[in-house]
């Protein structure tokens, strides 16, 4: 058999077989791990590029939203939305709205401040608060003055206000005596009305006192 093949050919075949075995060993032990490592790095770089592109798109959208919302924020801030709800100032503001609407008078009540959970406010280290305002015994000659009062409360009241409900009814009959009082510019109330509002503002979350373990903490 060896004589038929020849010693030289056997040696050449052995050398070729050894080379193939060496190539296979080099591929599986060196080149394949390198290829796998390179592929993993490439996948990682591709993921990072995709993540970066997403962040760039989000940043662009954030800038667009910022430009749109900044004037609204400044307007709300100028109207007193970032206030601590001063009760003394509230009385003066209500009186200004009453005078502007031509309403003769009313009584009002404001409830205690309540905190409202809001994810956007929390993210901005702010706290959304609300006080319920009830306006009763609204005295006016015409119902249009009361409706004007409601409009001015939403537009001119120096904070963010939301109407909950209102009622209006006729109080005194229109007769000669009523007309005489109106002509003499004497106080006359032909309607009686009431309304309730939600007074919403935002205040900064107070800093945490490290010496007081019971102090409230911002989320």
C-alpha atoms as a PDB file:
ATOM      1  CA  UNK A   1       0.000   0.000   0.000  1.00  0.00           C
ATOM      2  CA  UNK A   2       2.783   2.355   1.026  1.00  0.00           C
ATOM      3  CA  UNK A   3       4.726   1.352  -2.039  1.00  0.00           C
ATOM      4  CA  UNK A   4       1.742   2.098  -4.260  1.00  0.00           C
ATOM      5  CA  UNK A   5       1.174   5.563  -2.807  1.00  0.00           C
ATOM      6  CA  UNK A   6       4.749   6.413  -2.307  1.00  0.00           C
ATOM      7  CA  UNK A   7       6.574   7.678   0.709  1.00  0.00           C
ATOM      8  CA  UNK A   8       6.877  11.187  -0.663  1.00  0.00           C
ATOM      9  CA  UNK A   9       3.175  11.401  -1.327  1.00  0.00           C
ATOM     10  CA  UNK A  10       2.429  10.146   2.176  1.00  0.00           C
ATOM     11  CA  UNK A  11       4.691  12.816   3.597  1.00  0.00           C
ATOM     12  CA  UNK A  12       2.976  15.502   1.471  1.00  0.00           C
ATOM     13  CA  UNK A  13      -0.467  14.285   2.530  1.00  0.00           C
ATOM     14  CA  UNK A  14       0.613  14.249   6.166  1.00  0.00           C
ATOM     15  CA  UNK A  15       1.935  17.757   5.851  1.00  0.00           C
ATOM     16  CA  UNK A  16      -1.297  18.931   4.190  1.00  0.00           C
ATOM     17  CA  UNK A  17      -3.352  17.161   6.846  1.00  0.00           C
ATOM     18  CA  UNK A  18      -1.274  18.811   9.550  1.00  0.00           C
ATOM     19  CA  UNK A  19      -1.731  22.192   7.910  1.00  0.00           C
ATOM     20  CA  UNK A  20      -5.505  21.661   7.728  1.00  0.00           C
ATOM     21  CA  UNK A  21      -5.589  20.563  11.352  1.00  0.00           C
ATOM     22  CA  UNK A  22      -3.537  23.627  12.336  1.00  0.00           C
ATOM     23  CA  UNK A  23      -5.842  25.891  10.337  1.00  0.00           C
ATOM     24  CA  UNK A  24      -8.881  24.306  11.982  1.00  0.00           C
ATOM     25  CA  UNK A  25      -7.367  24.662  15.435  1.00  0.00           C
ATOM     26  CA  UNK A  26      -6.393  28.270  14.727  1.00  0.00           C
ATOM     27  CA  UNK A  27      -9.920  28.997  13.422  1.00  0.00           C
ATOM     28  CA  UNK A  28     -11.763  27.521  16.388  1.00  0.00           C
ATOM     29  CA  UNK A  29      -9.337  28.686  19.068  1.00  0.00           C
ATOM     30  CA  UNK A  30      -8.293  32.081  17.672  1.00  0.00           C
ATOM     31  CA  UNK A  31     -10.254  33.402  14.714  1.00  0.00           C
ATOM     32  CA  UNK A  32     -13.746  32.242  15.783  1.00  0.00           C
ATOM     33  CA  UNK A  33     -13.470  33.839  19.284  1.00  0.00           C
ATOM     34  CA  UNK A  34     -12.103  36.993  17.655  1.00  0.00           C
ATOM     35  CA  UNK A  35     -14.998  36.985  15.178  1.00  0.00           C
ATOM     36  CA  UNK A  36     -17.547  36.465  17.959  1.00  0.00           C
ATOM     37  CA  UNK A  37     -15.964  39.201  20.069  1.00  0.00           C
ATOM     38  CA  UNK A  38     -15.893  41.560  17.097  1.00  0.00           C
ATOM     39  CA  UNK A  39     -19.536  40.778  16.299  1.00  0.00           C
ATOM     40  CA  UNK A  40     -20.544  41.427  19.924  1.00  0.00           C
ATOM     41  CA  UNK A  41     -18.688  44.736  19.890  1.00  0.00           C
ATOM     42  CA  UNK A  42     -20.348  45.644  16.591  1.00  0.00           C
ATOM     43  CA  UNK A  43     -23.782  44.820  18.011  1.00  0.00           C
ATOM     44  CA  UNK A  44     -22.971  46.882  21.103  1.00  0.00           C
ATOM     45  CA  UNK A  45     -21.866  49.841  18.984  1.00  0.00           C
ATOM     46  CA  UNK A  46     -25.018  49.515  16.845  1.00  0.00           C
ATOM     47  CA  UNK A  47     -27.166  49.532  19.995  1.00  0.00           C
ATOM     48  CA  UNK A  48     -25.313  52.570  21.365  1.00  0.00           C
ATOM     49  CA  UNK A  49     -25.786  54.386  18.049  1.00  0.00           C
ATOM     50  CA  UNK A  50     -29.509  53.560  18.064  1.00  0.00           C
ATOM     51  CA  UNK A  51     -29.815  54.702  21.691  1.00  0.00           C
ATOM     52  CA  UNK A  52     -27.930  57.916  20.909  1.00  0.00           C
ATOM     53  CA  UNK A  53     -30.168  58.588  17.914  1.00  0.00           C
ATOM     54  CA  UNK A  54     -33.212  58.108  20.152  1.00  0.00           C
ATOM     55  CA  UNK A  55     -31.792  60.525  22.712  1.00  0.00           C
ATOM     56  CA  UNK A  56     -31.077  63.070  19.972  1.00  0.00           C
ATOM     57  CA  UNK A  57     -34.657  62.802  18.719  1.00  0.00           C
ATOM     58  CA  UNK A  58     -35.994  63.130  22.271  1.00  0.00           C
ATOM     59  CA  UNK A  59     -33.764  66.154  22.852  1.00  0.00           C
ATOM     60  CA  UNK A  60     -35.044  67.787  19.670  1.00  0.00           C
ATOM     61  CA  UNK A  61     -38.634  67.158  20.762  1.00  0.00           C
ATOM     62  CA  UNK A  62     -37.857  68.454  24.257  1.00  0.00           C
ATOM     63  CA  UNK A  63     -36.485  71.664  22.729  1.00  0.00           C
ATOM     64  CA  UNK A  64     -39.615  72.048  20.602  1.00  0.00           C
ATOM     65  CA  UNK A  65     -41.849  71.449  23.639  1.00  0.00           C
ATOM     66  CA  UNK A  66     -39.721  73.872  25.681  1.00  0.00           C
ATOM     67  CA  UNK A  67     -40.162  76.653  23.124  1.00  0.00           C
ATOM     68  CA  UNK A  68     -43.908  76.007  22.989  1.00  0.00           C
ATOM     69  CA  UNK A  69     -44.450  75.739  26.750  1.00  0.00           C
ATOM     70  CA  UNK A  70     -42.079  78.491  27.950  1.00  0.00           C
ATOM     71  CA  UNK A  71     -44.467  81.375  27.058  1.00  0.00           C
ATOM     72  CA  UNK A  72     -47.326  79.477  28.734  1.00  0.00           C
ATOM     73  CA  UNK A  73     -45.192  78.927  31.833  1.00  0.00           C
ATOM     74  CA  UNK A  74     -44.240  82.608  31.993  1.00  0.00           C
ATOM     75  CA  UNK A  75     -47.888  83.572  31.601  1.00  0.00           C
ATOM     76  CA  UNK A  76     -48.974  81.249  34.426  1.00  0.00           C
ATOM     77  CA  UNK A  77     -46.132  82.464  36.628  1.00  0.00           C
ATOM     78  CA  UNK A  78     -47.080  86.079  35.931  1.00  0.00           C
ATOM     79  CA  UNK A  79     -50.663  85.286  36.904  1.00  0.00           C
ATOM     80  CA  UNK A  80     -49.572  83.935  40.275  1.00  0.00           C
ATOM     81  CA  UNK A  81     -49.645  80.203  39.511  1.00  0.00           C
ATOM     82  CA  UNK A  82     -46.355  79.787  41.415  1.00  0.00           C
ATOM     83  CA  UNK A  83     -47.762  81.269  44.622  1.00  0.00           C
ATOM     84  CA  UNK A  84     -48.336  79.969  48.129  1.00  0.00           C
ATOM     85  CA  UNK A  85     -52.010  81.081  48.098  1.00  0.00           C
ATOM     86  CA  UNK A  86     -52.026  84.133  50.348  1.00  0.00           C
ATOM     87  CA  UNK A  87     -55.452  84.342  52.029  1.00  0.00           C
ATOM     88  CA  UNK A  88     -55.160  88.089  52.663  1.00  0.00           C
ATOM     89  CA  UNK A  89     -54.368  88.746  49.021  1.00  0.00           C
ATOM     90  CA  UNK A  90     -57.247  86.479  48.022  1.00  0.00           C
ATOM     91  CA  UNK A  91     -59.757  88.822  49.675  1.00  0.00           C
ATOM     92  CA  UNK A  92     -58.369  91.819  47.766  1.00  0.00           C
ATOM     93  CA  UNK A  93     -58.287  89.913  44.458  1.00  0.00           C
ATOM     94  CA  UNK A  94     -61.881  88.761  44.855  1.00  0.00           C
ATOM     95  CA  UNK A  95     -62.966  92.310  45.582  1.00  0.00           C
ATOM     96  CA  UNK A  96     -61.190  93.564  42.441  1.00  0.00           C
ATOM     97  CA  UNK A  97     -63.028  90.965  40.332  1.00  0.00           C
ATOM     98  CA  UNK A  98     -66.332  91.835  42.026  1.00  0.00           C
ATOM     99  CA  UNK A  99     -65.869  95.544  41.299  1.00  0.00           C
ATOM    100  CA  UNK A 100     -64.874  94.891  37.689  1.00  0.00           C
ATOM    101  CA  UNK A 101     -67.973  92.770  37.109  1.00  0.00           C
ATOM    102  CA  UNK A 102     -70.336  95.277  38.718  1.00  0.00           C
ATOM    103  CA  UNK A 103     -71.528  92.844  41.391  1.00  0.00           C
ATOM    104  CA  UNK A 104     -72.913  94.543  44.518  1.00  0.00           C
ATOM    105  CA  UNK A 105     -71.514  92.076  47.002  1.00  0.00           C
ATOM    106  CA  UNK A 106     -71.077  88.493  48.161  1.00  0.00           C
ATOM    107  CA  UNK A 107     -69.638  86.375  50.946  1.00  0.00           C
ATOM    108  CA  UNK A 108     -66.926  83.785  50.422  1.00  0.00           C
ATOM    109  CA  UNK A 109     -65.231  80.890  52.156  1.00  0.00           C
ATOM    110  CA  UNK A 110     -61.908  79.226  51.349  1.00  0.00           C
ATOM    111  CA  UNK A 111     -61.078  75.722  52.577  1.00  0.00           C
ATOM    112  CA  UNK A 112     -57.729  74.461  53.818  1.00  0.00           C
ATOM    113  CA  UNK A 113     -54.981  73.766  51.311  1.00  0.00           C
ATOM    114  CA  UNK A 114     -54.869  70.228  49.949  1.00  0.00           C
ATOM    115  CA  UNK A 115     -51.910  68.643  48.196  1.00  0.00           C
ATOM    116  CA  UNK A 116     -52.549  67.001  44.828  1.00  0.00           C
ATOM    117  CA  UNK A 117     -50.308  64.213  43.561  1.00  0.00           C
ATOM    118  CA  UNK A 118     -48.970  65.095  40.137  1.00  0.00           C
ATOM    119  CA  UNK A 119     -46.094  63.280  38.413  1.00  0.00           C
ATOM    120  CA  UNK A 120     -45.043  66.309  36.310  1.00  0.00           C
ATOM    121  CA  UNK A 121     -44.936  68.581  39.355  1.00  0.00           C
ATOM    122  CA  UNK A 122     -42.987  65.979  41.347  1.00  0.00           C
ATOM    123  CA  UNK A 123     -40.444  65.610  38.527  1.00  0.00           C
ATOM    124  CA  UNK A 124     -39.895  69.387  38.651  1.00  0.00           C
ATOM    125  CA  UNK A 125     -39.469  69.318  42.457  1.00  0.00           C
ATOM    126  CA  UNK A 126     -42.763  71.176  42.819  1.00  0.00           C
ATOM    127  CA  UNK A 127     -45.974  70.491  44.729  1.00  0.00           C
ATOM    128  CA  UNK A 128     -49.430  71.082  43.223  1.00  0.00           C
ATOM    129  CA  UNK A 129     -51.857  72.475  45.805  1.00  0.00           C
ATOM    130  CA  UNK A 130     -55.564  73.249  45.719  1.00  0.00           C
ATOM    131  CA  UNK A 131     -57.987  75.305  47.803  1.00  0.00           C
ATOM    132  CA  UNK A 132     -61.755  75.144  47.372  1.00  0.00           C
ATOM    133  CA  UNK A 133     -63.370  78.615  47.186  1.00  0.00           C
ATOM    134  CA  UNK A 134     -67.107  79.057  47.746  1.00  0.00           C
ATOM    135  CA  UNK A 135     -68.763  82.364  46.812  1.00  0.00           C
ATOM    136  CA  UNK A 136     -72.290  82.753  48.253  1.00  0.00           C
ATOM    137  CA  UNK A 137     -75.055  85.365  48.391  1.00  0.00           C
ATOM    138  CA  UNK A 138     -73.915  87.099  45.226  1.00  0.00           C
ATOM    139  CA  UNK A 139     -75.990  90.263  44.985  1.00  0.00           C
ATOM    140  CA  UNK A 140     -76.557  91.889  41.599  1.00  0.00           C
ATOM    141  CA  UNK A 141     -79.200  93.798  39.650  1.00  0.00           C
ATOM    142  CA  UNK A 142     -78.725  91.829  36.434  1.00  0.00           C
ATOM    143  CA  UNK A 143     -77.709  88.240  35.832  1.00  0.00           C
ATOM    144  CA  UNK A 144     -75.236  89.415  33.184  1.00  0.00           C
ATOM    145  CA  UNK A 145     -73.108  90.902  35.960  1.00  0.00           C
ATOM    146  CA  UNK A 146     -72.864  87.498  37.634  1.00  0.00           C
ATOM    147  CA  UNK A 147     -71.876  85.798  34.374  1.00  0.00           C
ATOM    148  CA  UNK A 148     -69.310  88.528  33.861  1.00  0.00           C
ATOM    149  CA  UNK A 149     -68.052  87.793  37.366  1.00  0.00           C
ATOM    150  CA  UNK A 150     -67.563  84.110  36.436  1.00  0.00           C
ATOM    151  CA  UNK A 151     -65.670  85.065  33.273  1.00  0.00           C
ATOM    152  CA  UNK A 152     -63.408  87.468  35.130  1.00  0.00           C
ATOM    153  CA  UNK A 153     -62.719  84.867  37.826  1.00  0.00           C
ATOM    154  CA  UNK A 154     -61.331  82.528  35.154  1.00  0.00           C
ATOM    155  CA  UNK A 155     -59.514  85.203  33.147  1.00  0.00           C
ATOM    156  CA  UNK A 156     -58.474  88.007  35.518  1.00  0.00           C
ATOM    157  CA  UNK A 157     -58.115  86.266  38.872  1.00  0.00           C
ATOM    158  CA  UNK A 158     -54.336  86.203  39.453  1.00  0.00           C
ATOM    159  CA  UNK A 159     -53.971  82.416  39.623  1.00  0.00           C
ATOM    160  CA  UNK A 160     -55.264  79.310  37.922  1.00  0.00           C
ATOM    161  CA  UNK A 161     -58.945  78.938  38.770  1.00  0.00           C
ATOM    162  CA  UNK A 162     -61.431  76.293  37.706  1.00  0.00           C
ATOM    163  CA  UNK A 163     -65.209  76.650  38.037  1.00  0.00           C
ATOM    164  CA  UNK A 164     -66.866  73.666  39.710  1.00  0.00           C
ATOM    165  CA  UNK A 165     -70.513  74.751  39.657  1.00  0.00           C
ATOM    166  CA  UNK A 166     -72.826  77.739  40.063  1.00  0.00           C
ATOM    167  CA  UNK A 167     -76.519  78.521  40.585  1.00  0.00           C
ATOM    168  CA  UNK A 168     -78.519  81.667  39.949  1.00  0.00           C
ATOM    169  CA  UNK A 169     -82.120  82.563  40.802  1.00  0.00           C
ATOM    170  CA  UNK A 170     -84.413  85.599  40.865  1.00  0.00           C
ATOM    171  CA  UNK A 171     -84.623  87.299  44.238  1.00  0.00           C
ATOM    172  CA  UNK A 172     -86.827  90.424  44.228  1.00  0.00           C
ATOM    173  CA  UNK A 173     -89.680  91.144  41.784  1.00  0.00           C
ATOM    174  CA  UNK A 174     -89.353  93.940  39.256  1.00  0.00           C
ATOM    175  CA  UNK A 175     -91.949  96.566  40.170  1.00  0.00           C
ATOM    176  CA  UNK A 176     -92.301 100.321  40.415  1.00  0.00           C
ATOM    177  CA  UNK A 177     -90.534 100.475  43.765  1.00  0.00           C
ATOM    178  CA  UNK A 178     -87.594  98.498  42.360  1.00  0.00           C
ATOM    179  CA  UNK A 179     -87.350 100.753  39.327  1.00  0.00           C
ATOM    180  CA  UNK A 180     -87.466 103.817  41.563  1.00  0.00           C
ATOM    181  CA  UNK A 181     -84.557 102.497  43.628  1.00  0.00           C
ATOM    182  CA  UNK A 182     -82.576 101.741  40.504  1.00  0.00           C
ATOM    183  CA  UNK A 183     -83.194 105.260  39.178  1.00  0.00           C
ATOM    184  CA  UNK A 184     -82.085 106.696  42.515  1.00  0.00           C
ATOM    185  CA  UNK A 185     -78.965 104.486  42.376  1.00  0.00           C
ATOM    186  CA  UNK A 186     -79.956 102.769  45.585  1.00  0.00           C
ATOM    187  CA  UNK A 187     -78.767  99.209  46.286  1.00  0.00           C
ATOM    188  CA  UNK A 188     -81.040  96.717  44.559  1.00  0.00           C
ATOM    189  CA  UNK A 189     -80.555  92.994  44.143  1.00  0.00           C
ATOM    190  CA  UNK A 190     -82.764  91.249  41.644  1.00  0.00           C
ATOM    191  CA  UNK A 191     -80.824  87.960  41.607  1.00  0.00           C
ATOM    192  CA  UNK A 192     -79.118  85.733  44.129  1.00  0.00           C
ATOM    193  CA  UNK A 193     -76.319  83.412  43.028  1.00  0.00           C
ATOM    194  CA  UNK A 194     -73.459  81.299  44.265  1.00  0.00           C
ATOM    195  CA  UNK A 195     -70.477  79.529  42.752  1.00  0.00           C
ATOM    196  CA  UNK A 196     -67.564  77.315  43.747  1.00  0.00           C
ATOM    197  CA  UNK A 197     -64.042  77.210  42.355  1.00  0.00           C
ATOM    198  CA  UNK A 198     -60.821  75.234  42.636  1.00  0.00           C
ATOM    199  CA  UNK A 199     -57.804  77.474  43.262  1.00  0.00           C
ATOM    200  CA  UNK A 200     -54.742  75.652  41.884  1.00  0.00           C
ATOM    201  CA  UNK A 201     -51.131  76.736  42.273  1.00  0.00           C
ATOM    202  CA  UNK A 202     -47.674  75.133  42.496  1.00  0.00           C
ATOM    203  CA  UNK A 203     -45.047  75.713  45.148  1.00  0.00           C
ATOM    204  CA  UNK A 204     -41.477  74.411  45.480  1.00  0.00           C
ATOM    205  CA  UNK A 205     -41.028  71.242  47.502  1.00  0.00           C
ATOM    206  CA  UNK A 206     -39.401  72.282  50.801  1.00  0.00           C
ATOM    207  CA  UNK A 207     -35.821  71.061  51.264  1.00  0.00           C
ATOM    208  CA  UNK A 208     -35.348  67.998  53.439  1.00  0.00           C
ATOM    209  CA  UNK A 209     -34.026  68.683  56.911  1.00  0.00           C
ATOM    210  CA  UNK A 210     -31.319  66.026  57.527  1.00  0.00           C
ATOM    211  CA  UNK A 211     -31.744  66.484  61.279  1.00  0.00           C
ATOM    212  CA  UNK A 212     -35.456  65.700  61.139  1.00  0.00           C
ATOM    213  CA  UNK A 213     -36.134  62.088  60.081  1.00  0.00           C
ATOM    214  CA  UNK A 214     -39.883  62.795  60.023  1.00  0.00           C
ATOM    215  CA  UNK A 215     -39.621  65.692  57.576  1.00  0.00           C
ATOM    216  CA  UNK A 216     -41.567  65.158  54.310  1.00  0.00           C
ATOM    217  CA  UNK A 217     -39.436  64.195  51.381  1.00  0.00           C
ATOM    218  CA  UNK A 218     -39.945  64.973  47.709  1.00  0.00           C
ATOM    219  CA  UNK A 219     -40.503  61.985  45.516  1.00  0.00           C
END
